[in-house]
Amino acid sequence: FATNVLEIATAAGNPAGVTSFADLAEPDLK
């Protein structure tokens, strides 16, 4: 009845500056 895909959710305003999936592997990023 439906399909869905992933999206990155960041804190409001994206203070960590995440722009890509690869950015999620940065060691300092929680």
ModelCIF file with pLDDT and N, C-alpha, C, O atoms, coordinates in Angstrom:
data_MODEL
#
_entry.id   MODEL 
#
_entity.id                         1 
_entity.type                       polymer 
_entity.pdbx_number_of_molecules   1 
#
_entity_poly.entity_id                      1 
_entity_poly.type                           'polypeptide(L)' 
_entity_poly.nstd_linkage                   no 
_entity_poly.nstd_monomer                   no 
_entity_poly.pdbx_seq_one_letter_code       FATNVLEIATAAGNPAGVTSFADLAEPDLK 
_entity_poly.pdbx_seq_one_letter_code_can   FATNVLEIATAAGNPAGVTSFADLAEPDLK 
_entity_poly.pdbx_strand_id                 A 
#
loop_
_entity_poly_seq.entity_id 
_entity_poly_seq.num 
_entity_poly_seq.mon_id 
_entity_poly_seq.hetero 
1 1  PHE n 
1 2  ALA n 
1 3  THR n 
1 4  ASN n 
1 5  VAL n 
1 6  LEU n 
1 7  GLU n 
1 8  ILE n 
1 9  ALA n 
1 10 THR n 
1 11 ALA n 
1 12 ALA n 
1 13 GLY n 
1 14 ASN n 
1 15 PRO n 
1 16 ALA n 
1 17 GLY n 
1 18 VAL n 
1 19 THR n 
1 20 SER n 
1 21 PHE n 
1 22 ALA n 
1 23 ASP n 
1 24 LEU n 
1 25 ALA n 
1 26 GLU n 
1 27 PRO n 
1 28 ASP n 
1 29 LEU n 
1 30 LYS n 
#
_struct_asym.id          A 
_struct_asym.entity_id   1 
#
loop_
_ma_qa_metric.id 
_ma_qa_metric.mode 
_ma_qa_metric.name 
_ma_qa_metric.software_group_id 
_ma_qa_metric.type 
1 global pLDDT . pLDDT 
2 local  pLDDT . pLDDT 
#
_ma_qa_metric_global.metric_id      1 
_ma_qa_metric_global.metric_value   97.07 
_ma_qa_metric_global.model_id       1 
_ma_qa_metric_global.ordinal_id     1 
#
loop_
_ma_qa_metric_local.label_asym_id 
_ma_qa_metric_local.label_comp_id 
_ma_qa_metric_local.label_seq_id 
_ma_qa_metric_local.metric_id 
_ma_qa_metric_local.metric_value 
_ma_qa_metric_local.model_id 
_ma_qa_metric_local.ordinal_id 
A PHE 1  2 98.00 1 1  
A ALA 2  2 98.00 1 2  
A THR 3  2 98.00 1 3  
A ASN 4  2 98.00 1 4  
A VAL 5  2 97.00 1 5  
A LEU 6  2 98.00 1 6  
A GLU 7  2 98.00 1 7  
A ILE 8  2 98.00 1 8  
A ALA 9  2 98.00 1 9  
A THR 10 2 98.00 1 10 
A ALA 11 2 95.00 1 11 
A ALA 12 2 95.00 1 12 
A GLY 13 2 97.00 1 13 
A ASN 14 2 97.00 1 14 
A PRO 15 2 97.00 1 15 
A ALA 16 2 96.00 1 16 
A GLY 17 2 97.00 1 17 
A VAL 18 2 98.00 1 18 
A THR 19 2 97.00 1 19 
A SER 20 2 97.00 1 20 
A PHE 21 2 98.00 1 21 
A ALA 22 2 97.00 1 22 
A ASP 23 2 98.00 1 23 
A LEU 24 2 98.00 1 24 
A ALA 25 2 97.00 1 25 
A GLU 26 2 96.00 1 26 
A PRO 27 2 94.00 1 27 
A ASP 28 2 95.00 1 28 
A LEU 29 2 97.00 1 29 
A LYS 30 2 97.00 1 30 
#
loop_
_atom_site.group_PDB 
_atom_site.id 
_atom_site.type_symbol 
_atom_site.label_atom_id 
_atom_site.label_alt_id 
_atom_site.label_comp_id 
_atom_site.label_asym_id 
_atom_site.label_entity_id 
_atom_site.label_seq_id 
_atom_site.pdbx_PDB_ins_code 
_atom_site.Cartn_x 
_atom_site.Cartn_y 
_atom_site.Cartn_z 
_atom_site.occupancy 
_atom_site.B_iso_or_equiv 
_atom_site.pdbx_formal_charge 
_atom_site.auth_seq_id 
_atom_site.auth_comp_id 
_atom_site.auth_asym_id 
_atom_site.auth_atom_id 
_atom_site.pdbx_PDB_model_num 
ATOM 1   N N  . PHE A 1 1  ? 0.791  -1.231 0.000  1.00 98.00 ? 1  PHE A N  1 
ATOM 2   C CA . PHE A 1 1  ? 0.000  0.000  0.000  1.00 98.00 ? 1  PHE A CA 1 
ATOM 3   C C  . PHE A 1 1  ? 0.824  1.283  0.000  1.00 98.00 ? 1  PHE A C  1 
ATOM 4   O O  . PHE A 1 1  ? 0.258  2.369  -0.125 1.00 98.00 ? 1  PHE A O  1 
ATOM 5   N N  . ALA A 1 2  ? 2.162  1.188  0.139  1.00 98.00 ? 2  ALA A N  1 
ATOM 6   C CA . ALA A 1 2  ? 2.987  2.399  0.159  1.00 98.00 ? 2  ALA A CA 1 
ATOM 7   C C  . ALA A 1 2  ? 4.454  2.025  0.006  1.00 98.00 ? 2  ALA A C  1 
ATOM 8   O O  . ALA A 1 2  ? 4.841  0.869  0.173  1.00 98.00 ? 2  ALA A O  1 
ATOM 9   N N  . THR A 1 3  ? 5.261  3.030  -0.316 1.00 98.00 ? 3  THR A N  1 
ATOM 10  C CA . THR A 1 3  ? 6.721  2.876  -0.320 1.00 98.00 ? 3  THR A CA 1 
ATOM 11  C C  . THR A 1 3  ? 7.332  4.051  0.430  1.00 98.00 ? 3  THR A C  1 
ATOM 12  O O  . THR A 1 3  ? 6.692  5.083  0.625  1.00 98.00 ? 3  THR A O  1 
ATOM 13  N N  . ASN A 1 4  ? 8.587  3.874  0.847  1.00 98.00 ? 4  ASN A N  1 
ATOM 14  C CA . ASN A 1 4  ? 9.263  4.915  1.611  1.00 98.00 ? 4  ASN A CA 1 
ATOM 15  C C  . ASN A 1 4  ? 10.769 4.797  1.395  1.00 98.00 ? 4  ASN A C  1 
ATOM 16  O O  . ASN A 1 4  ? 11.267 3.712  1.093  1.00 98.00 ? 4  ASN A O  1 
ATOM 17  N N  . VAL A 1 5  ? 11.484 5.886  1.544  1.00 97.00 ? 5  VAL A N  1 
ATOM 18  C CA . VAL A 1 5  ? 12.941 5.872  1.429  1.00 97.00 ? 5  VAL A CA 1 
ATOM 19  C C  . VAL A 1 5  ? 13.557 6.630  2.601  1.00 97.00 ? 5  VAL A C  1 
ATOM 20  O O  . VAL A 1 5  ? 12.888 7.410  3.280  1.00 97.00 ? 5  VAL A O  1 
ATOM 21  N N  . LEU A 1 6  ? 14.822 6.388  2.817  1.00 98.00 ? 6  LEU A N  1 
ATOM 22  C CA . LEU A 1 6  ? 15.530 7.022  3.919  1.00 98.00 ? 6  LEU A CA 1 
ATOM 23  C C  . LEU A 1 6  ? 15.862 8.487  3.628  1.00 98.00 ? 6  LEU A C  1 
ATOM 24  O O  . LEU A 1 6  ? 16.006 8.897  2.476  1.00 98.00 ? 6  LEU A O  1 
ATOM 25  N N  . GLU A 1 7  ? 15.975 9.246  4.690  1.00 98.00 ? 7  GLU A N  1 
ATOM 26  C CA . GLU A 1 7  ? 16.467 10.613 4.628  1.00 98.00 ? 7  GLU A CA 1 
ATOM 27  C C  . GLU A 1 7  ? 17.226 10.893 5.923  1.00 98.00 ? 7  GLU A C  1 
ATOM 28  O O  . GLU A 1 7  ? 16.900 10.338 6.973  1.00 98.00 ? 7  GLU A O  1 
ATOM 29  N N  . ILE A 1 8  ? 18.224 11.742 5.845  1.00 98.00 ? 8  ILE A N  1 
ATOM 30  C CA . ILE A 1 8  ? 18.985 12.112 7.033  1.00 98.00 ? 8  ILE A CA 1 
ATOM 31  C C  . ILE A 1 8  ? 18.226 13.202 7.778  1.00 98.00 ? 8  ILE A C  1 
ATOM 32  O O  . ILE A 1 8  ? 17.840 14.215 7.194  1.00 98.00 ? 8  ILE A O  1 
ATOM 33  N N  . ALA A 1 9  ? 18.016 12.984 9.069  1.00 98.00 ? 9  ALA A N  1 
ATOM 34  C CA . ALA A 1 9  ? 17.426 14.022 9.922  1.00 98.00 ? 9  ALA A CA 1 
ATOM 35  C C  . ALA A 1 9  ? 18.526 14.586 10.801 1.00 98.00 ? 9  ALA A C  1 
ATOM 36  O O  . ALA A 1 9  ? 19.210 13.841 11.502 1.00 98.00 ? 9  ALA A O  1 
ATOM 37  N N  . THR A 1 10 ? 18.696 15.891 10.766 1.00 98.00 ? 10 THR A N  1 
ATOM 38  C CA . THR A 1 10 ? 19.699 16.535 11.612 1.00 98.00 ? 10 THR A CA 1 
ATOM 39  C C  . THR A 1 10 ? 18.988 17.447 12.608 1.00 98.00 ? 10 THR A C  1 
ATOM 40  O O  . THR A 1 10 ? 17.799 17.733 12.464 1.00 98.00 ? 10 THR A O  1 
ATOM 41  N N  . ALA A 1 11 ? 19.720 17.893 13.606 1.00 95.00 ? 11 ALA A N  1 
ATOM 42  C CA . ALA A 1 11 ? 19.175 18.883 14.520 1.00 95.00 ? 11 ALA A CA 1 
ATOM 43  C C  . ALA A 1 11 ? 18.735 20.094 13.716 1.00 95.00 ? 11 ALA A C  1 
ATOM 44  O O  . ALA A 1 11 ? 19.318 20.390 12.672 1.00 95.00 ? 11 ALA A O  1 
ATOM 45  N N  . ALA A 1 12 ? 17.718 20.795 14.186 1.00 95.00 ? 12 ALA A N  1 
ATOM 46  C CA . ALA A 1 12 ? 17.176 21.938 13.446 1.00 95.00 ? 12 ALA A CA 1 
ATOM 47  C C  . ALA A 1 12 ? 18.283 22.898 13.037 1.00 95.00 ? 12 ALA A C  1 
ATOM 48  O O  . ALA A 1 12 ? 19.109 23.305 13.854 1.00 95.00 ? 12 ALA A O  1 
ATOM 49  N N  . GLY A 1 13 ? 18.282 23.250 11.754 1.00 97.00 ? 13 GLY A N  1 
ATOM 50  C CA . GLY A 1 13 ? 19.301 24.162 11.244 1.00 97.00 ? 13 GLY A CA 1 
ATOM 51  C C  . GLY A 1 13 ? 20.562 23.465 10.772 1.00 97.00 ? 13 GLY A C  1 
ATOM 52  O O  . GLY A 1 13 ? 21.447 24.103 10.202 1.00 97.00 ? 13 GLY A O  1 
ATOM 53  N N  . ASN A 1 14 ? 20.655 22.144 11.006 1.00 97.00 ? 14 ASN A N  1 
ATOM 54  C CA . ASN A 1 14 ? 21.805 21.349 10.578 1.00 97.00 ? 14 ASN A CA 1 
ATOM 55  C C  . ASN A 1 14 ? 23.131 21.969 11.032 1.00 97.00 ? 14 ASN A C  1 
ATOM 56  O O  . ASN A 1 14 ? 23.991 22.254 10.198 1.00 97.00 ? 14 ASN A O  1 
ATOM 57  N N  . PRO A 1 15 ? 23.307 22.181 12.345 1.00 97.00 ? 15 PRO A N  1 
ATOM 58  C CA . PRO A 1 15 ? 24.533 22.832 12.837 1.00 97.00 ? 15 PRO A CA 1 
ATOM 59  C C  . PRO A 1 15 ? 25.814 22.052 12.532 1.00 97.00 ? 15 PRO A C  1 
ATOM 60  O O  . PRO A 1 15 ? 26.891 22.644 12.465 1.00 97.00 ? 15 PRO A O  1 
ATOM 61  N N  . ALA A 1 16 ? 25.711 20.729 12.344 1.00 96.00 ? 16 ALA A N  1 
ATOM 62  C CA . ALA A 1 16 ? 26.900 19.928 12.050 1.00 96.00 ? 16 ALA A CA 1 
ATOM 63  C C  . ALA A 1 16 ? 27.287 19.996 10.577 1.00 96.00 ? 16 ALA A C  1 
ATOM 64  O O  . ALA A 1 16 ? 28.347 19.505 10.186 1.00 96.00 ? 16 ALA A O  1 
ATOM 65  N N  . GLY A 1 17 ? 26.426 20.605 9.760  1.00 97.00 ? 17 GLY A N  1 
ATOM 66  C CA . GLY A 1 17 ? 26.744 20.781 8.342  1.00 97.00 ? 17 GLY A CA 1 
ATOM 67  C C  . GLY A 1 17 ? 26.765 19.493 7.540  1.00 97.00 ? 17 GLY A C  1 
ATOM 68  O O  . GLY A 1 17 ? 27.593 19.337 6.643  1.00 97.00 ? 17 GLY A O  1 
ATOM 69  N N  . VAL A 1 18 ? 25.871 18.573 7.848  1.00 98.00 ? 18 VAL A N  1 
ATOM 70  C CA . VAL A 1 18 ? 25.790 17.311 7.109  1.00 98.00 ? 18 VAL A CA 1 
ATOM 71  C C  . VAL A 1 18 ? 25.202 17.566 5.726  1.00 98.00 ? 18 VAL A C  1 
ATOM 72  O O  . VAL A 1 18 ? 24.151 18.194 5.595  1.00 98.00 ? 18 VAL A O  1 
ATOM 73  N N  . THR A 1 19 ? 25.882 17.077 4.702  1.00 97.00 ? 19 THR A N  1 
ATOM 74  C CA . THR A 1 19 ? 25.395 17.284 3.333  1.00 97.00 ? 19 THR A CA 1 
ATOM 75  C C  . THR A 1 19 ? 25.271 15.991 2.532  1.00 97.00 ? 19 THR A C  1 
ATOM 76  O O  . THR A 1 19 ? 24.710 15.992 1.436  1.00 97.00 ? 19 THR A O  1 
ATOM 77  N N  . SER A 1 20 ? 25.792 14.888 3.071  1.00 97.00 ? 20 SER A N  1 
ATOM 78  C CA . SER A 1 20 ? 25.777 13.640 2.309  1.00 97.00 ? 20 SER A CA 1 
ATOM 79  C C  . SER A 1 20 ? 25.756 12.441 3.240  1.00 97.00 ? 20 SER A C  1 
ATOM 80  O O  . SER A 1 20 ? 25.975 12.565 4.445  1.00 97.00 ? 20 SER A O  1 
ATOM 81  N N  . PHE A 1 21 ? 25.486 11.271 2.657  1.00 98.00 ? 21 PHE A N  1 
ATOM 82  C CA . PHE A 1 21 ? 25.515 10.037 3.441  1.00 98.00 ? 21 PHE A CA 1 
ATOM 83  C C  . PHE A 1 21 ? 26.917 9.787  3.970  1.00 98.00 ? 21 PHE A C  1 
ATOM 84  O O  . PHE A 1 21 ? 27.077 9.342  5.107  1.00 98.00 ? 21 PHE A O  1 
ATOM 85  N N  . ALA A 1 22 ? 27.934 10.065 3.164  1.00 97.00 ? 22 ALA A N  1 
ATOM 86  C CA . ALA A 1 22 ? 29.328 9.840  3.575  1.00 97.00 ? 22 ALA A CA 1 
ATOM 87  C C  . ALA A 1 22 ? 29.693 10.677 4.793  1.00 97.00 ? 22 ALA A C  1 
ATOM 88  O O  . ALA A 1 22 ? 30.536 10.270 5.593  1.00 97.00 ? 22 ALA A O  1 
ATOM 89  N N  . ASP A 1 23 ? 29.067 11.846 4.942  1.00 98.00 ? 23 ASP A N  1 
ATOM 90  C CA . ASP A 1 23 ? 29.358 12.702 6.096  1.00 98.00 ? 23 ASP A CA 1 
ATOM 91  C C  . ASP A 1 23 ? 29.009 12.018 7.416  1.00 98.00 ? 23 ASP A C  1 
ATOM 92  O O  . ASP A 1 23 ? 29.578 12.342 8.458  1.00 98.00 ? 23 ASP A O  1 
ATOM 93  N N  . LEU A 1 24 ? 28.076 11.075 7.370  1.00 98.00 ? 24 LEU A N  1 
ATOM 94  C CA . LEU A 1 24 ? 27.648 10.398 8.586  1.00 98.00 ? 24 LEU A CA 1 
ATOM 95  C C  . LEU A 1 24 ? 28.742 9.517  9.178  1.00 98.00 ? 24 LEU A C  1 
ATOM 96  O O  . LEU A 1 24 ? 28.637 9.074  10.322 1.00 98.00 ? 24 LEU A O  1 
ATOM 97  N N  . ALA A 1 25 ? 29.789 9.263  8.399  1.00 97.00 ? 25 ALA A N  1 
ATOM 98  C CA . ALA A 1 25 ? 30.901 8.439  8.883  1.00 97.00 ? 25 ALA A CA 1 
ATOM 99  C C  . ALA A 1 25 ? 31.973 9.266  9.590  1.00 97.00 ? 25 ALA A C  1 
ATOM 100 O O  . ALA A 1 25 ? 32.956 8.714  10.083 1.00 97.00 ? 25 ALA A O  1 
ATOM 101 N N  . GLU A 1 26 ? 31.788 10.590 9.641  1.00 96.00 ? 26 GLU A N  1 
ATOM 102 C CA . GLU A 1 26 ? 32.765 11.440 10.325 1.00 96.00 ? 26 GLU A CA 1 
ATOM 103 C C  . GLU A 1 26 ? 32.855 11.039 11.797 1.00 96.00 ? 26 GLU A C  1 
ATOM 104 O O  . GLU A 1 26 ? 31.828 10.896 12.460 1.00 96.00 ? 26 GLU A O  1 
ATOM 105 N N  . PRO A 1 27 ? 34.077 10.855 12.316 1.00 94.00 ? 27 PRO A N  1 
ATOM 106 C CA . PRO A 1 27 ? 34.239 10.333 13.680 1.00 94.00 ? 27 PRO A CA 1 
ATOM 107 C C  . PRO A 1 27 ? 33.675 11.217 14.788 1.00 94.00 ? 27 PRO A C  1 
ATOM 108 O O  . PRO A 1 27 ? 33.295 10.712 15.845 1.00 94.00 ? 27 PRO A O  1 
ATOM 109 N N  . ASP A 1 28 ? 33.614 12.520 14.563 1.00 95.00 ? 28 ASP A N  1 
ATOM 110 C CA . ASP A 1 28 ? 33.127 13.421 15.612 1.00 95.00 ? 28 ASP A CA 1 
ATOM 111 C C  . ASP A 1 28 ? 31.612 13.613 15.579 1.00 95.00 ? 28 ASP A C  1 
ATOM 112 O O  . ASP A 1 28 ? 31.054 14.326 16.412 1.00 95.00 ? 28 ASP A O  1 
ATOM 113 N N  . LEU A 1 29 ? 30.954 12.977 14.619 1.00 97.00 ? 29 LEU A N  1 
ATOM 114 C CA . LEU A 1 29 ? 29.509 13.148 14.467 1.00 97.00 ? 29 LEU A CA 1 
ATOM 115 C C  . LEU A 1 29 ? 28.763 12.060 15.234 1.00 97.00 ? 29 LEU A C  1 
ATOM 116 O O  . LEU A 1 29 ? 29.038 10.873 15.066 1.00 97.00 ? 29 LEU A O  1 
ATOM 117 N N  . LYS A 1 30 ? 27.821 12.470 16.072 1.00 97.00 ? 30 LYS A N  1 
ATOM 118 C CA . LYS A 1 30 ? 26.993 11.509 16.811 1.00 97.00 ? 30 LYS A CA 1 
ATOM 119 C C  . LYS A 1 30 ? 25.800 11.117 15.940 1.00 97.00 ? 30 LYS A C  1 
ATOM 120 O O  . LYS A 1 30 ? 24.965 10.316 16.360 1.00 97.00 ? 30 LYS A O  1 
#
